[in-house]
Amino acid sequence: MKGHIRERSPGHWAIIIDLRDPETGKRRRKWHSFHGPKREAQVECARLISEMTGGTYLEPGKTTVAQFLERWLDHAKSQVSPRTHERYCEIVRKNIVPALGAVFLTKLRPAQISAVYSRALTSGRRDGKGGLAPSTVVYMHRLIKQALGQAVRWELLARNAADAVDPPKVERGTLTTYDMTQTVKLLEELRESRLRLPVLLGVMCGLRRGEIVALRWGHIDLAAGKMMVVESAEQTAAGIRYKPPKSGRGRTVALSATVTAELRQHRLAQAEELLGLGVRQSDTTFVYTRQDGEPMQPRSLSQMWSTITTALPRIRFHDLRHAHATHMLAAGVHPKVASERLGHSRVGITLDLYSHVLPGMQEDAAARVDEAYQIAEKKRAENIG
């Protein structure tokens, strides 16, 4: 297969690919338009030949949305984590392709995408029990927009139809968590439970579920009262995968005396337990494991949490982390320090998520400033007198 370029006008090129019809063997040509420097036109010509030879070429006018999305999913595989890619595949194949897959890519219009969102919100559930959550439809929109953006960059489309579509609004729910009294009660109820330690790490250190089950003894310095959060466990179809934390970088978390004492006690108990299984505890041993010494899956931690018996309001395991954040801010910890402890990439995330705690903090701040003012005013009056 050969190809060449021909200049039509300054900066505008025709890319001509010489093909042979697989059925008749006759020679035919495929023409493409390209705008840009000559060197880029030559590179594009080589790319088209490579795709046609390798069987990955998509002809814009004859490519359906379903065909394009499969190509895009393959491209995205190297760009995101395995768990994220699994989620992409699920949304694309179960929600987007059934609704838009038969449409030719170049014929896709904003009105069609908008209509799909409307139907998804009212009757999008596959079990027939109503519509999808607005957050799921927003995720659909994000994927469609991202995929069509790639189609524009690949010059399969002139513009991104999703740019002209508004996703549904997602109302932020109220965070439900435990206050300090409830936290003490919870930990007391779990005194003899294997779940006590992961709950403690969530509510007293702000660790995420995946960070808890990825924590190893080599990450903890009990003498210094510090812990390095450098890994997070991610559950995929292929098994557990260990990766950097959500922010992309590790963090150091200071340990309170309570947490340090609990970890010391747990380390001794675990060493005995593992010895009974013929396993020697080491720095690479996970802090929290299954009873047989094997690594704990993140999902299993949530399942264990859902089975506990408590008189307290039911919350998600992840909400224990929210409790820690709320406790810190309510105690007057600077948001920047709280953000670093939680592993947020920006302090703005912390302030946005926990703004419900700030009104009380502002009243306290106003009272403190006023108290300082009153003291200064009193001293000045005494000096004058």
Protein backbone atom coordinates (compact mmCIF):
# COMPACT_ATOMS: atom_id res chain seq x y z
CA MET A 1 0.00 0.00 0.00
CA LYS A 2 1.36 3.40 -1.00
CA GLY A 3 0.34 6.99 -0.52
CA HIS A 4 1.39 10.51 -1.35
CA ILE A 5 0.32 14.10 -0.71
CA ARG A 6 -0.67 16.83 -3.14
CA GLU A 7 -0.94 20.53 -2.29
CA ARG A 8 -4.30 22.03 -3.21
CA SER A 9 -3.62 25.51 -1.83
CA PRO A 10 -1.14 26.92 0.69
CA GLY A 11 -1.43 24.79 3.84
CA HIS A 12 -4.17 22.55 2.41
CA TRP A 13 -3.28 19.05 1.25
CA ALA A 14 -4.88 16.07 -0.38
CA ILE A 15 -3.68 12.74 0.98
CA ILE A 16 -4.06 10.02 -1.64
CA ILE A 17 -3.81 6.38 -0.60
CA ASP A 18 -3.47 3.71 -3.31
CA LEU A 19 -5.45 0.59 -2.44
CA ARG A 20 -6.43 -2.68 -4.05
CA ASP A 21 -9.99 -3.94 -3.79
CA PRO A 22 -9.77 -7.23 -1.82
CA GLU A 23 -12.52 -8.80 -3.95
CA THR A 24 -11.70 -7.63 -7.49
CA GLY A 25 -8.00 -6.87 -7.10
CA LYS A 26 -8.54 -3.59 -8.96
CA ARG A 27 -6.65 -0.48 -7.97
CA ARG A 28 -8.59 2.29 -6.25
CA ARG A 29 -7.77 5.45 -4.37
CA LYS A 30 -8.89 6.90 -1.07
CA TRP A 31 -8.68 10.67 -0.63
CA HIS A 32 -8.33 12.61 2.62
CA SER A 33 -8.09 16.34 3.24
CA PHE A 34 -5.52 17.78 5.62
CA HIS A 35 -4.74 21.30 6.82
CA GLY A 36 -1.29 22.12 8.16
CA PRO A 37 2.43 22.10 7.30
CA LYS A 38 3.77 19.72 4.68
CA ARG A 39 5.69 17.67 7.25
CA GLU A 40 2.54 17.05 9.30
CA ALA A 41 0.65 16.07 6.15
CA GLN A 42 3.35 13.48 5.41
CA VAL A 43 3.10 12.14 8.97
CA GLU A 44 -0.69 11.90 8.64
CA CYS A 45 -0.30 10.05 5.35
CA ALA A 46 2.02 7.53 7.02
CA ARG A 47 -0.42 7.13 9.92
CA LEU A 48 -3.33 6.39 7.60
CA ILE A 49 -1.31 3.80 5.69
CA SER A 50 -0.27 2.15 8.97
CA GLU A 51 -3.88 1.98 10.19
CA MET A 52 -5.18 0.62 6.90
CA THR A 53 -2.44 -2.00 6.79
CA GLY A 54 -3.00 -2.97 10.43
CA GLY A 55 -6.78 -3.12 10.16
CA THR A 56 -7.43 -0.34 12.70
CA TYR A 57 -8.51 2.31 10.20
CA LEU A 58 -11.88 3.94 10.77
CA GLU A 59 -13.48 5.64 7.80
CA PRO A 60 -15.35 8.63 9.27
CA GLY A 61 -18.40 8.50 7.02
CA LYS A 62 -18.95 4.77 7.53
CA THR A 63 -17.96 4.39 11.19
CA THR A 64 -20.70 3.99 13.79
CA VAL A 65 -20.51 5.38 17.30
CA ALA A 66 -20.21 1.80 18.61
CA GLN A 67 -17.23 1.04 16.35
CA PHE A 68 -15.51 4.26 17.28
CA LEU A 69 -16.07 3.80 21.03
CA GLU A 70 -14.49 0.34 20.94
CA ARG A 71 -11.45 1.88 19.27
CA TRP A 72 -11.42 4.66 21.84
CA LEU A 73 -11.67 2.20 24.76
CA ASP A 74 -8.66 0.38 23.39
CA HIS A 75 -6.79 3.70 23.17
CA ALA A 76 -7.85 4.71 26.71
CA LYS A 77 -6.60 1.46 28.23
CA SER A 78 -3.05 2.77 28.49
CA GLN A 79 -4.19 6.17 29.79
CA VAL A 80 -6.09 5.15 32.95
CA SER A 81 -5.94 2.59 35.75
CA PRO A 82 -7.37 -0.92 35.14
CA ARG A 83 -10.30 -0.28 37.52
CA THR A 84 -11.14 3.01 35.78
CA HIS A 85 -10.96 1.30 32.40
CA GLU A 86 -13.34 -1.41 33.62
CA ARG A 87 -15.77 1.34 34.62
CA TYR A 88 -15.36 3.01 31.20
CA CYS A 89 -16.19 -0.27 29.47
CA GLU A 90 -19.23 -0.84 31.67
CA ILE A 91 -20.73 2.60 31.04
CA VAL A 92 -19.92 2.60 27.31
CA ARG A 93 -21.20 -0.90 26.56
CA LYS A 94 -24.21 -0.97 28.87
CA ASN A 95 -25.44 2.64 28.75
CA ILE A 96 -24.05 4.52 25.75
CA VAL A 97 -23.78 1.97 22.93
CA PRO A 98 -27.36 0.63 23.29
CA ALA A 99 -28.64 4.19 22.88
CA LEU A 100 -26.24 5.70 20.32
CA GLY A 101 -24.18 2.83 18.94
CA ALA A 102 -25.99 2.50 15.58
CA VAL A 103 -25.60 6.21 14.73
CA PHE A 104 -22.88 7.05 12.21
CA LEU A 105 -20.17 9.01 14.02
CA THR A 106 -20.27 11.95 11.60
CA LYS A 107 -24.07 12.13 11.90
CA LEU A 108 -24.13 12.38 15.71
CA ARG A 109 -25.81 15.59 16.82
CA PRO A 110 -26.14 17.36 20.20
CA ALA A 111 -29.93 16.85 20.24
CA GLN A 112 -29.46 13.07 20.04
CA ILE A 113 -27.05 13.06 22.96
CA SER A 114 -29.36 15.29 25.01
CA ALA A 115 -32.32 12.98 24.31
CA VAL A 116 -30.28 10.00 25.53
CA TYR A 117 -29.58 11.80 28.82
CA SER A 118 -33.27 12.58 29.29
CA ARG A 119 -34.27 8.95 28.72
CA ALA A 120 -31.49 7.70 30.98
CA LEU A 121 -32.75 9.90 33.84
CA THR A 122 -36.33 8.62 33.53
CA SER A 123 -35.98 5.00 32.38
CA GLY A 124 -32.29 4.19 32.12
CA ARG A 125 -32.06 1.34 34.62
CA ARG A 126 -31.56 -2.03 32.97
CA ASP A 127 -33.88 -3.71 35.46
CA GLY A 128 -36.72 -1.43 34.36
CA LYS A 129 -37.09 0.18 37.78
CA GLY A 130 -36.78 3.82 36.80
CA GLY A 131 -33.96 6.10 35.80
CA LEU A 132 -30.25 6.35 36.43
CA ALA A 133 -28.83 8.64 39.09
CA PRO A 134 -27.85 12.10 37.77
CA SER A 135 -24.25 11.37 38.80
CA THR A 136 -24.22 8.31 36.49
CA VAL A 137 -25.56 10.37 33.58
CA VAL A 138 -22.91 13.01 34.28
CA TYR A 139 -20.31 10.22 34.08
CA MET A 140 -21.82 9.16 30.73
CA HIS A 141 -21.52 12.75 29.51
CA ARG A 142 -17.91 12.95 30.64
CA LEU A 143 -17.02 9.80 28.70
CA ILE A 144 -18.90 10.84 25.55
CA LYS A 145 -17.25 14.26 25.61
CA GLN A 146 -13.82 12.74 26.21
CA ALA A 147 -14.25 10.16 23.44
CA LEU A 148 -15.57 12.66 20.88
CA GLY A 149 -12.74 15.01 21.81
CA GLN A 150 -10.34 12.25 20.81
CA ALA A 151 -12.27 11.81 17.55
CA VAL A 152 -11.66 15.50 16.82
CA ARG A 153 -7.94 15.10 17.54
CA TRP A 154 -7.86 12.06 15.26
CA GLU A 155 -9.61 14.25 12.65
CA LEU A 156 -12.55 11.89 12.40
CA LEU A 157 -14.81 14.79 13.39
CA ALA A 158 -14.67 18.53 12.82
CA ARG A 159 -16.22 19.34 16.19
CA ASN A 160 -17.32 17.73 19.43
CA ALA A 161 -21.12 17.41 19.56
CA ALA A 162 -21.05 16.88 23.34
CA ASP A 163 -19.66 20.41 23.83
CA ALA A 164 -23.15 21.73 23.02
CA VAL A 165 -24.94 19.45 25.52
CA ASP A 166 -25.55 20.31 29.16
CA PRO A 167 -25.30 17.35 31.57
CA PRO A 168 -27.85 17.10 34.40
CA LYS A 169 -27.16 18.93 37.62
CA VAL A 170 -26.10 16.80 40.55
CA GLU A 171 -27.29 18.07 43.90
CA ARG A 172 -24.69 17.60 46.57
CA GLY A 173 -25.96 15.34 49.32
CA THR A 174 -25.40 16.09 52.98
CA LEU A 175 -22.45 14.23 54.45
CA THR A 176 -23.63 11.87 57.19
CA THR A 177 -20.97 11.00 59.71
CA TYR A 178 -20.31 10.57 63.44
CA ASP A 179 -19.53 13.24 66.00
CA MET A 180 -16.86 12.58 68.62
CA THR A 181 -19.28 11.08 71.15
CA GLN A 182 -20.60 8.65 68.54
CA THR A 183 -17.04 7.85 67.47
CA VAL A 184 -16.09 6.87 71.02
CA LYS A 185 -19.23 4.73 71.29
CA LEU A 186 -18.50 3.00 67.98
CA LEU A 187 -14.93 2.11 68.93
CA GLU A 188 -16.11 0.82 72.29
CA GLU A 189 -18.70 -1.40 70.57
CA LEU A 190 -15.93 -2.80 68.35
CA ARG A 191 -13.55 -3.46 71.26
CA GLU A 192 -13.41 -7.22 70.57
CA SER A 193 -13.98 -7.04 66.80
CA ARG A 194 -11.39 -7.55 64.04
CA LEU A 195 -12.95 -4.51 62.43
CA ARG A 196 -11.80 -2.20 65.22
CA LEU A 197 -8.36 -1.47 63.74
CA PRO A 198 -9.48 -0.49 60.20
CA VAL A 199 -12.27 1.62 61.71
CA LEU A 200 -9.71 3.30 63.97
CA LEU A 201 -7.44 4.05 60.99
CA GLY A 202 -10.38 5.55 59.12
CA VAL A 203 -11.86 7.66 61.89
CA MET A 204 -8.61 8.67 63.67
CA CYS A 205 -6.19 8.92 60.71
CA GLY A 206 -8.48 9.65 57.75
CA LEU A 207 -7.26 6.71 55.65
CA ARG A 208 -9.26 5.55 52.66
CA ARG A 209 -10.43 1.94 52.44
CA GLY A 210 -7.84 1.04 49.79
CA GLU A 211 -5.06 2.71 51.80
CA ILE A 212 -5.93 0.71 54.92
CA VAL A 213 -5.70 -2.70 53.25
CA ALA A 214 -2.49 -1.68 51.42
CA LEU A 215 -0.71 -0.53 54.59
CA ARG A 216 2.40 -2.57 55.50
CA TRP A 217 4.39 -2.60 58.74
CA GLY A 218 7.38 -1.15 56.90
CA HIS A 219 5.31 2.00 56.31
CA ILE A 220 4.86 2.60 60.05
CA ASP A 221 7.39 4.00 62.55
CA LEU A 222 5.80 3.38 65.94
CA ALA A 223 8.73 4.91 67.82
CA ALA A 224 8.37 8.19 65.92
CA GLY A 225 4.56 7.97 65.85
CA LYS A 226 4.38 8.36 62.08
CA MET A 227 2.93 6.45 59.15
CA MET A 228 3.71 6.73 55.43
CA VAL A 229 0.70 6.27 53.15
CA VAL A 230 2.35 5.28 49.88
CA GLU A 231 0.04 2.62 48.44
CA SER A 232 -3.64 2.01 47.81
CA ALA A 233 -5.32 -1.29 46.91
CA GLU A 234 -7.56 -1.31 43.85
CA GLN A 235 -9.88 -4.20 43.12
CA THR A 236 -9.99 -5.19 39.43
CA ALA A 237 -11.34 -8.13 37.45
CA ALA A 238 -7.79 -9.55 37.44
CA GLY A 239 -7.42 -9.29 41.22
CA ILE A 240 -5.96 -6.75 43.66
CA ARG A 241 -3.65 -4.10 42.23
CA TYR A 242 -1.47 -1.85 44.40
CA LYS A 243 -0.93 1.69 43.15
CA PRO A 244 -0.04 5.16 44.49
CA PRO A 245 -2.74 6.91 46.58
CA LYS A 246 -5.53 8.88 44.94
CA SER A 247 -3.61 12.17 44.87
CA GLY A 248 -0.78 10.43 43.00
CA ARG A 249 1.75 10.91 45.77
CA GLY A 250 2.34 9.56 49.26
CA ARG A 251 1.87 11.42 52.53
CA THR A 252 3.04 11.23 56.12
CA VAL A 253 0.35 10.90 58.79
CA ALA A 254 1.20 11.59 62.43
CA LEU A 255 -0.18 8.98 64.82
CA SER A 256 -1.91 9.88 68.08
CA ALA A 257 -0.98 8.08 71.29
CA THR A 258 -4.25 6.13 71.08
CA VAL A 259 -3.59 4.88 67.55
CA THR A 260 0.07 4.08 68.31
CA ALA A 261 -0.92 1.97 71.32
CA GLU A 262 -3.55 0.11 69.29
CA LEU A 263 -1.05 -0.62 66.50
CA ARG A 264 1.54 -1.94 68.97
CA GLN A 265 -1.03 -4.28 70.47
CA HIS A 266 -2.26 -5.39 67.05
CA ARG A 267 1.27 -6.06 65.81
CA LEU A 268 1.97 -8.44 68.68
CA ALA A 269 -1.37 -10.23 68.28
CA GLN A 270 -0.88 -10.54 64.51
CA ALA A 271 2.66 -11.92 64.92
CA GLU A 272 1.31 -14.72 67.11
CA GLU A 273 -1.56 -15.39 64.74
CA LEU A 274 0.73 -15.60 61.70
CA LEU A 275 3.20 -17.79 63.57
CA GLY A 276 0.39 -20.27 64.08
CA LEU A 277 -0.02 -20.31 60.29
CA GLY A 278 3.70 -20.84 59.77
CA VAL A 279 4.27 -17.29 58.52
CA ARG A 280 6.80 -14.85 59.95
CA GLN A 281 5.76 -11.23 60.26
CA SER A 282 8.03 -8.75 58.43
CA ASP A 283 8.11 -5.18 57.14
CA THR A 284 6.32 -6.31 53.97
CA THR A 285 3.46 -7.90 55.94
CA PHE A 286 0.16 -6.10 55.54
CA VAL A 287 -1.04 -4.46 58.75
CA TYR A 288 -4.59 -5.68 58.22
CA THR A 289 -5.15 -9.09 56.62
CA ARG A 290 -7.69 -11.85 56.43
CA GLN A 291 -7.65 -14.43 59.22
CA ASP A 292 -5.64 -16.77 56.99
CA GLY A 293 -2.94 -14.11 56.59
CA GLU A 294 -3.82 -13.31 52.97
CA PRO A 295 -4.29 -9.71 51.75
CA MET A 296 -7.70 -8.18 52.39
CA GLN A 297 -9.75 -6.97 49.42
CA PRO A 298 -11.13 -3.41 49.68
CA ARG A 299 -14.63 -4.65 48.93
CA SER A 300 -14.43 -7.20 51.74
CA LEU A 301 -13.76 -4.42 54.23
CA SER A 302 -16.99 -2.68 53.20
CA GLN A 303 -18.90 -5.96 53.41
CA MET A 304 -17.63 -6.55 56.95
CA TRP A 305 -18.61 -3.00 57.89
CA SER A 306 -22.15 -3.53 56.59
CA THR A 307 -22.67 -6.50 58.93
CA ILE A 308 -21.81 -4.81 62.25
CA THR A 309 -24.53 -4.46 64.86
CA THR A 310 -24.75 -0.96 66.29
CA ALA A 311 -27.38 1.43 67.60
CA LEU A 312 -25.64 4.28 65.79
CA PRO A 313 -26.97 5.65 62.47
CA ARG A 314 -25.81 3.63 59.45
CA ILE A 315 -23.06 5.28 57.42
CA ARG A 316 -20.66 4.07 54.72
CA PHE A 317 -17.17 2.94 55.65
CA HIS A 318 -15.79 5.90 53.66
CA ASP A 319 -17.79 8.23 55.92
CA LEU A 320 -15.41 7.33 58.76
CA ARG A 321 -12.80 9.34 56.87
CA HIS A 322 -15.29 12.22 56.67
CA ALA A 323 -15.71 11.93 60.45
CA HIS A 324 -11.97 12.42 60.90
CA ALA A 325 -12.01 15.50 58.70
CA THR A 326 -14.97 16.94 60.58
CA HIS A 327 -13.32 16.27 63.95
CA MET A 328 -10.15 18.06 62.84
CA LEU A 329 -11.87 21.17 61.50
CA ALA A 330 -14.25 21.37 64.47
CA ALA A 331 -11.22 21.22 66.79
CA GLY A 332 -9.71 24.22 65.02
CA VAL A 333 -7.06 22.38 62.98
CA HIS A 334 -5.92 24.58 60.08
CA PRO A 335 -7.56 23.45 56.80
CA LYS A 336 -4.14 23.21 55.15
CA VAL A 337 -2.97 20.72 57.80
CA ALA A 338 -6.24 18.78 57.53
CA SER A 339 -5.86 18.69 53.74
CA GLU A 340 -2.33 17.27 53.97
CA ARG A 341 -3.42 14.67 56.51
CA LEU A 342 -6.32 13.56 54.29
CA GLY A 343 -4.15 13.42 51.19
CA HIS A 344 -6.12 15.97 49.18
CA SER A 345 -4.23 17.42 46.22
CA ARG A 346 -5.51 20.94 47.03
CA VAL A 347 -6.75 22.60 50.22
CA GLY A 348 -9.72 23.82 48.17
CA ILE A 349 -11.02 20.25 47.99
CA THR A 350 -11.03 20.05 51.79
CA LEU A 351 -12.80 23.40 52.15
CA ASP A 352 -15.36 22.48 49.50
CA LEU A 353 -16.16 19.07 50.97
CA TYR A 354 -16.40 20.18 54.57
CA SER A 355 -17.81 23.69 54.27
CA HIS A 356 -20.67 22.60 56.57
CA VAL A 357 -18.20 22.65 59.47
CA LEU A 358 -17.00 26.19 58.76
CA PRO A 359 -19.96 28.30 60.02
CA GLY A 360 -19.32 27.25 63.63
CA MET A 361 -15.60 27.76 63.11
CA GLN A 362 -16.22 31.29 61.84
CA GLU A 363 -18.26 32.14 64.93
CA ASP A 364 -15.45 30.79 67.10
CA ALA A 365 -12.89 32.79 65.11
CA ALA A 366 -14.95 35.97 65.52
CA ALA A 367 -15.18 35.36 69.27
CA ARG A 368 -11.41 34.83 69.54
CA VAL A 369 -10.63 38.00 67.59
CA ASP A 370 -13.08 39.94 69.74
CA GLU A 371 -11.52 38.51 72.90
CA ALA A 372 -8.06 39.61 71.73
CA TYR A 373 -9.46 43.05 70.92
CA GLN A 374 -11.07 43.38 74.37
CA ILE A 375 -7.80 42.42 76.09
CA ALA A 376 -5.81 44.92 74.01
CA GLU A 377 -8.38 47.65 74.63
CA LYS A 378 -8.31 46.98 78.37
CA LYS A 379 -4.49 47.16 78.47
CA ARG A 380 -4.54 50.44 76.56
CA ALA A 381 -7.08 51.92 78.96
CA GLU A 382 -4.94 50.85 81.93
CA ASN A 383 -1.83 52.43 80.40
CA ILE A 384 -3.65 55.70 79.76
CA GLY A 385 -5.08 55.71 83.27
